[in-house]
C-alpha atoms as a PDB file:
ATOM      1  CA  UNK A   1      10.342  -2.008  -6.102  1.00  0.00           C
ATOM      2  CA  UNK A   2      14.119  -1.790  -6.607  1.00  0.00           C
ATOM      3  CA  UNK A   3      15.154   1.770  -7.539  1.00  0.00           C
ATOM      4  CA  UNK A   4      16.510   2.343 -11.039  1.00  0.00           C
ATOM      5  CA  UNK A   5      19.117   4.844  -9.809  1.00  0.00           C
ATOM      6  CA  UNK A   6      22.411   4.486  -7.963  1.00  0.00           C
ATOM      7  CA  UNK A   7      22.943   4.818  -4.232  1.00  0.00           C
ATOM      8  CA  UNK A   8      25.112   7.922  -4.724  1.00  0.00           C
ATOM      9  CA  UNK A   9      22.369   9.583  -6.807  1.00  0.00           C
ATOM     10  CA  UNK A  10      19.834   8.738  -4.109  1.00  0.00           C
ATOM     11  CA  UNK A  11      22.056  10.254  -1.405  1.00  0.00           C
ATOM     12  CA  UNK A  12      22.719  13.464  -3.329  1.00  0.00           C
ATOM     13  CA  UNK A  13      19.036  13.856  -4.244  1.00  0.00           C
ATOM     14  CA  UNK A  14      17.594  13.187  -0.767  1.00  0.00           C
ATOM     15  CA  UNK A  15      15.889  10.018  -2.022  1.00  0.00           C
ATOM     16  CA  UNK A  16      17.052   7.827   0.861  1.00  0.00           C
ATOM     17  CA  UNK A  17      14.346   6.874   3.318  1.00  0.00           C
ATOM     18  CA  UNK A  18      15.104   5.684   6.816  1.00  0.00           C
ATOM     19  CA  UNK A  19      13.510   2.304   7.456  1.00  0.00           C
ATOM     20  CA  UNK A  20      13.085   0.451  10.743  1.00  0.00           C
ATOM     21  CA  UNK A  21      15.489  -2.352  11.604  1.00  0.00           C
ATOM     22  CA  UNK A  22      14.473  -5.627   9.958  1.00  0.00           C
ATOM     23  CA  UNK A  23      12.195  -3.995   7.363  1.00  0.00           C
ATOM     24  CA  UNK A  24      13.544  -5.933   4.380  1.00  0.00           C
ATOM     25  CA  UNK A  25      13.584  -9.169   6.394  1.00  0.00           C
ATOM     26  CA  UNK A  26       9.854  -8.701   6.959  1.00  0.00           C
ATOM     27  CA  UNK A  27       9.353  -8.024   3.255  1.00  0.00           C
ATOM     28  CA  UNK A  28      11.239 -11.251   2.487  1.00  0.00           C
ATOM     29  CA  UNK A  29       9.176 -13.308   4.944  1.00  0.00           C
ATOM     30  CA  UNK A  30       5.898 -11.849   3.624  1.00  0.00           C
ATOM     31  CA  UNK A  31       4.739 -10.065   6.771  1.00  0.00           C
ATOM     32  CA  UNK A  32       5.111  -6.756   4.890  1.00  0.00           C
ATOM     33  CA  UNK A  33       3.732  -6.727   1.349  1.00  0.00           C
ATOM     34  CA  UNK A  34       4.774  -3.988  -1.091  1.00  0.00           C
ATOM     35  CA  UNK A  35       2.523  -3.425  -4.107  1.00  0.00           C
ATOM     36  CA  UNK A  36       2.186  -0.800  -6.819  1.00  0.00           C
ATOM     37  CA  UNK A  37      -1.386  -0.242  -7.911  1.00  0.00           C
ATOM     38  CA  UNK A  38      -3.161   2.517  -9.780  1.00  0.00           C
ATOM     39  CA  UNK A  39      -6.570   1.364  -8.552  1.00  0.00           C
ATOM     40  CA  UNK A  40      -7.706  -0.250  -5.338  1.00  0.00           C
ATOM     41  CA  UNK A  41     -10.713  -0.618  -3.098  1.00  0.00           C
ATOM     42  CA  UNK A  42     -11.057  -1.449   0.557  1.00  0.00           C
ATOM     43  CA  UNK A  43     -12.832  -4.618   1.625  1.00  0.00           C
ATOM     44  CA  UNK A  44     -13.829  -6.011   5.024  1.00  0.00           C
ATOM     45  CA  UNK A  45     -10.548  -7.862   5.566  1.00  0.00           C
ATOM     46  CA  UNK A  46      -8.035  -5.725   3.665  1.00  0.00           C
ATOM     47  CA  UNK A  47      -7.704  -4.315   0.170  1.00  0.00           C
ATOM     48  CA  UNK A  48      -8.549  -5.310  -3.408  1.00  0.00           C
ATOM     49  CA  UNK A  49      -6.073  -4.270  -6.107  1.00  0.00           C
ATOM     50  CA  UNK A  50      -6.786  -3.474  -9.772  1.00  0.00           C
ATOM     51  CA  UNK A  51     -10.564  -3.917  -9.831  1.00  0.00           C
ATOM     52  CA  UNK A  52     -10.587  -6.926  -7.513  1.00  0.00           C
ATOM     53  CA  UNK A  53      -8.143  -9.092  -9.478  1.00  0.00           C
ATOM     54  CA  UNK A  54      -5.966  -9.469  -6.385  1.00  0.00           C
ATOM     55  CA  UNK A  55      -7.018  -9.320  -2.744  1.00  0.00           C
ATOM     56  CA  UNK A  56      -4.667  -8.834   0.224  1.00  0.00           C
ATOM     57  CA  UNK A  57      -5.765  -9.505   3.796  1.00  0.00           C
ATOM     58  CA  UNK A  58      -4.382  -6.814   6.060  1.00  0.00           C
ATOM     59  CA  UNK A  59      -4.971  -5.108   9.373  1.00  0.00           C
ATOM     60  CA  UNK A  60      -2.982  -2.027   8.313  1.00  0.00           C
ATOM     61  CA  UNK A  61      -2.718  -0.425   4.874  1.00  0.00           C
ATOM     62  CA  UNK A  62      -0.188   2.344   4.253  1.00  0.00           C
ATOM     63  CA  UNK A  63      -0.652   4.558   1.206  1.00  0.00           C
ATOM     64  CA  UNK A  64       2.955   5.411   0.365  1.00  0.00           C
ATOM     65  CA  UNK A  65       2.224   8.069  -2.214  1.00  0.00           C
ATOM     66  CA  UNK A  66       5.656   9.685  -2.390  1.00  0.00           C
ATOM     67  CA  UNK A  67       6.286  13.215  -3.639  1.00  0.00           C
ATOM     68  CA  UNK A  68       3.193  15.467  -3.664  1.00  0.00           C
ATOM     69  CA  UNK A  69       1.368  12.777  -1.756  1.00  0.00           C
ATOM     70  CA  UNK A  70      -1.304  15.171  -0.524  1.00  0.00           C
ATOM     71  CA  UNK A  71      -2.523  15.709  -4.095  1.00  0.00           C
ATOM     72  CA  UNK A  72      -2.348  11.992  -4.850  1.00  0.00           C
ATOM     73  CA  UNK A  73      -4.440  11.227  -1.766  1.00  0.00           C
ATOM     74  CA  UNK A  74      -7.046  13.774  -2.848  1.00  0.00           C
ATOM     75  CA  UNK A  75      -7.163  12.135  -6.290  1.00  0.00           C
ATOM     76  CA  UNK A  76      -7.509   8.596  -4.896  1.00  0.00           C
ATOM     77  CA  UNK A  77     -10.745   9.115  -3.001  1.00  0.00           C
ATOM     78  CA  UNK A  78     -13.962  10.027  -4.808  1.00  0.00           C
ATOM     79  CA  UNK A  79     -16.089  10.992  -1.798  1.00  0.00           C
ATOM     80  CA  UNK A  80     -15.456  14.605  -0.726  1.00  0.00           C
ATOM     81  CA  UNK A  81     -15.865  13.801   2.966  1.00  0.00           C
ATOM     82  CA  UNK A  82     -13.194  11.095   2.652  1.00  0.00           C
ATOM     83  CA  UNK A  83     -10.848  13.430   0.758  1.00  0.00           C
ATOM     84  CA  UNK A  84     -11.174  16.029   3.508  1.00  0.00           C
ATOM     85  CA  UNK A  85     -10.508  13.506   6.267  1.00  0.00           C
ATOM     86  CA  UNK A  86      -7.513  11.863   4.592  1.00  0.00           C
ATOM     87  CA  UNK A  87      -5.793  14.719   2.768  1.00  0.00           C
ATOM     88  CA  UNK A  88      -7.402  17.941   3.950  1.00  0.00           C
ATOM     89  CA  UNK A  89      -7.779  20.861   1.600  1.00  0.00           C
ATOM     90  CA  UNK A  90      -5.053  22.067  -0.740  1.00  0.00           C
ATOM     91  CA  UNK A  91      -4.567  25.252   1.296  1.00  0.00           C
ATOM     92  CA  UNK A  92      -4.013  23.413   4.599  1.00  0.00           C
ATOM     93  CA  UNK A  93      -1.487  20.782   3.514  1.00  0.00           C
ATOM     94  CA  UNK A  94       2.267  21.260   3.734  1.00  0.00           C
ATOM     95  CA  UNK A  95       4.317  20.113   0.711  1.00  0.00           C
ATOM     96  CA  UNK A  96       7.204  17.734   1.290  1.00  0.00           C
ATOM     97  CA  UNK A  97      10.596  19.256   2.072  1.00  0.00           C
ATOM     98  CA  UNK A  98      12.045  18.400  -1.336  1.00  0.00           C
ATOM     99  CA  UNK A  99       9.442  20.566  -3.004  1.00  0.00           C
ATOM    100  CA  UNK A 100      10.059  23.507  -0.690  1.00  0.00           C
ATOM    101  CA  UNK A 101      13.823  23.183  -0.280  1.00  0.00           C
ATOM    102  CA  UNK A 102      14.636  24.370  -3.809  1.00  0.00           C
ATOM    103  CA  UNK A 103      12.539  27.510  -3.401  1.00  0.00           C
ATOM    104  CA  UNK A 104      14.043  28.172   0.024  1.00  0.00           C
ATOM    105  CA  UNK A 105      17.647  27.723  -1.155  1.00  0.00           C
ATOM    106  CA  UNK A 106      17.085  29.737  -4.319  1.00  0.00           C
ATOM    107  CA  UNK A 107      15.756  32.687  -2.346  1.00  0.00           C
ATOM    108  CA  UNK A 108      18.623  32.650   0.169  1.00  0.00           C
ATOM    109  CA  UNK A 109      21.454  31.948  -2.261  1.00  0.00           C
ATOM    110  CA  UNK A 110      20.370  33.962  -5.281  1.00  0.00           C
ATOM    111  CA  UNK A 111      17.926  36.394  -3.692  1.00  0.00           C
ATOM    112  CA  UNK A 112      15.008  35.112  -5.766  1.00  0.00           C
END
């Protein structure tokens, strides 16, 4: 989970996220668990990762999908009703600022 880019690159590319005080302390003590997983399923007491190979008990699960997260959320869920509840339709979601900022700046600076 450690970035493979420098702090200065992160600052200049708007890749810095603001985290609550004590976030990394909670990661260290295990009260916040960070996991990458391409596949998961919900279970009665949390989440199963990678086809049930690992199970994590949790009261709250946050899907930190990153850039173009709305599309990733639509791709995660197979049931249409769940997709609509979680991510909405593609014409009602708002892309993240990084996606829109380039278009906005280009139009104002270069008249494109």
